[in-house]
Amino acid sequence: MVPMTILVDDKPKCVVRPNDLKHLQRFLRTGKPWLLADAPEGKLAHREADEAERAVWENARGLHGIAGGEDEDFFGTPLA
């Protein structure tokens, strides 16, 4: 999949690249406590990352690679 932006109450929270829709749904379910830490009653949504969000994701993935991490092991990065 392409990098996806996770939104909390329509505000970007993080950019992730799940393997497939099932992986994305699992992240939304298991990551809910972290995603909603600042807004416990917030609404989660997702969309394809825009150009600026994708640039943040690419930069974080590059840093992960410099540290010796494998591309397939890099999942995402917070935006806020």
C-alpha atoms as a PDB file:
ATOM      1  CA  MET A   1       0.000   0.000   0.000  1.00  0.00           C
ATOM      2  CA  VAL A   2       0.964   3.635  -0.307  1.00  0.00           C
ATOM      3  CA  PRO A   3       1.672   5.750   2.785  1.00  0.00           C
ATOM      4  CA  MET A   4      -1.575   6.564   4.581  1.00  0.00           C
ATOM      5  CA  THR A   5      -2.260   9.452   6.932  1.00  0.00           C
ATOM      6  CA  ILE A   6      -4.158   8.565  10.094  1.00  0.00           C
ATOM      7  CA  LEU A   7      -6.501  11.337  11.176  1.00  0.00           C
ATOM      8  CA  VAL A   8      -7.948  12.030  14.617  1.00  0.00           C
ATOM      9  CA  ASP A   9     -10.958  14.319  14.373  1.00  0.00           C
ATOM     10  CA  ASP A  10      -9.832  15.199  10.823  1.00  0.00           C
ATOM     11  CA  LYS A  11      -6.357  16.302  12.018  1.00  0.00           C
ATOM     12  CA  PRO A  12      -3.283  14.370  10.785  1.00  0.00           C
ATOM     13  CA  LYS A  13      -1.687  12.301  13.573  1.00  0.00           C
ATOM     14  CA  CYS A  14       0.779  10.006  11.786  1.00  0.00           C
ATOM     15  CA  VAL A  15       1.767   8.527   8.439  1.00  0.00           C
ATOM     16  CA  VAL A  16       2.033   4.754   8.090  1.00  0.00           C
ATOM     17  CA  ARG A  17       2.556   2.296   5.257  1.00  0.00           C
ATOM     18  CA  PRO A  18       0.621  -0.874   5.989  1.00  0.00           C
ATOM     19  CA  ASN A  19       1.078  -4.017   3.903  1.00  0.00           C
ATOM     20  CA  ASP A  20      -2.620  -4.254   3.143  1.00  0.00           C
ATOM     21  CA  LEU A  21      -6.035  -3.153   4.379  1.00  0.00           C
ATOM     22  CA  LYS A  22      -6.064  -5.869   7.060  1.00  0.00           C
ATOM     23  CA  HIS A  23      -2.753  -4.547   8.443  1.00  0.00           C
ATOM     24  CA  LEU A  24      -4.156  -0.990   8.459  1.00  0.00           C
ATOM     25  CA  GLN A  25      -7.288  -2.088  10.325  1.00  0.00           C
ATOM     26  CA  ARG A  26      -5.180  -3.990  12.879  1.00  0.00           C
ATOM     27  CA  PHE A  27      -3.016  -0.882  13.441  1.00  0.00           C
ATOM     28  CA  LEU A  28      -6.092   1.295  13.945  1.00  0.00           C
ATOM     29  CA  ARG A  29      -7.484  -1.221  16.446  1.00  0.00           C
ATOM     30  CA  THR A  30      -4.310  -1.899  18.444  1.00  0.00           C
ATOM     31  CA  GLY A  31      -2.975   1.660  18.169  1.00  0.00           C
ATOM     32  CA  LYS A  32      -6.218   3.260  19.314  1.00  0.00           C
ATOM     33  CA  PRO A  33      -4.953   4.074  22.853  1.00  0.00           C
ATOM     34  CA  TRP A  34      -1.953   5.952  21.416  1.00  0.00           C
ATOM     35  CA  LEU A  35      -3.887   7.529  18.565  1.00  0.00           C
ATOM     36  CA  LEU A  36      -6.639   8.810  20.871  1.00  0.00           C
ATOM     37  CA  ALA A  37      -4.464   9.672  23.893  1.00  0.00           C
ATOM     38  CA  ASP A  38      -5.169  13.403  23.484  1.00  0.00           C
ATOM     39  CA  ALA A  39      -8.791  12.957  22.375  1.00  0.00           C
ATOM     40  CA  PRO A  40     -10.346   9.851  24.009  1.00  0.00           C
ATOM     41  CA  GLU A  41     -13.678  10.454  22.267  1.00  0.00           C
ATOM     42  CA  GLY A  42     -12.026  11.305  18.935  1.00  0.00           C
ATOM     43  CA  LYS A  43     -12.960   9.870  15.550  1.00  0.00           C
ATOM     44  CA  LEU A  44     -10.331   7.925  13.593  1.00  0.00           C
ATOM     45  CA  ALA A  45     -10.102   8.070   9.811  1.00  0.00           C
ATOM     46  CA  HIS A  46      -7.448   7.522   7.161  1.00  0.00           C
ATOM     47  CA  ARG A  47      -6.578   8.762   3.698  1.00  0.00           C
ATOM     48  CA  GLU A  48      -3.674   8.609   1.293  1.00  0.00           C
ATOM     49  CA  ALA A  49      -0.823  10.828   2.499  1.00  0.00           C
ATOM     50  CA  ASP A  50      -0.471  14.152   0.702  1.00  0.00           C
ATOM     51  CA  GLU A  51       2.860  15.314  -0.729  1.00  0.00           C
ATOM     52  CA  ALA A  52       4.082  17.032   2.464  1.00  0.00           C
ATOM     53  CA  GLU A  53       3.067  14.094   4.688  1.00  0.00           C
ATOM     54  CA  ARG A  54       4.706  11.642   2.301  1.00  0.00           C
ATOM     55  CA  ALA A  55       7.924  13.715   2.463  1.00  0.00           C
ATOM     56  CA  VAL A  56       7.935  13.415   6.280  1.00  0.00           C
ATOM     57  CA  TRP A  57       7.397   9.659   5.953  1.00  0.00           C
ATOM     58  CA  GLU A  58      10.204   9.323   3.353  1.00  0.00           C
ATOM     59  CA  ASN A  59      12.579  11.310   5.569  1.00  0.00           C
ATOM     60  CA  ALA A  60      11.838   9.092   8.587  1.00  0.00           C
ATOM     61  CA  ARG A  61      12.219   5.961   6.445  1.00  0.00           C
ATOM     62  CA  GLY A  62      15.595   7.263   5.244  1.00  0.00           C
ATOM     63  CA  LEU A  63      16.750   7.757   8.833  1.00  0.00           C
ATOM     64  CA  HIS A  64      15.574   4.223   9.639  1.00  0.00           C
ATOM     65  CA  GLY A  65      17.661   2.915   6.721  1.00  0.00           C
ATOM     66  CA  ILE A  66      20.773   4.855   7.753  1.00  0.00           C
ATOM     67  CA  ALA A  67      20.522   3.199  11.167  1.00  0.00           C
ATOM     68  CA  GLY A  68      20.577  -0.206   9.478  1.00  0.00           C
ATOM     69  CA  GLY A  69      16.834  -0.851   9.445  1.00  0.00           C
ATOM     70  CA  GLU A  70      15.227  -2.802   6.633  1.00  0.00           C
ATOM     71  CA  ASP A  71      12.709  -1.016   4.415  1.00  0.00           C
ATOM     72  CA  GLU A  72      10.036  -3.652   5.016  1.00  0.00           C
ATOM     73  CA  ASP A  73      10.395  -3.181   8.789  1.00  0.00           C
ATOM     74  CA  PHE A  74       9.648   0.560   8.680  1.00  0.00           C
ATOM     75  CA  PHE A  75       5.974   1.249   9.393  1.00  0.00           C
ATOM     76  CA  GLY A  76       5.463   4.944  10.033  1.00  0.00           C
ATOM     77  CA  THR A  77       6.108   8.170  11.868  1.00  0.00           C
ATOM     78  CA  PRO A  78       4.126  10.667  13.960  1.00  0.00           C
ATOM     79  CA  LEU A  79       3.190  13.999  12.404  1.00  0.00           C
ATOM     80  CA  ALA A  80       2.391  15.831  15.630  1.00  0.00           C
END
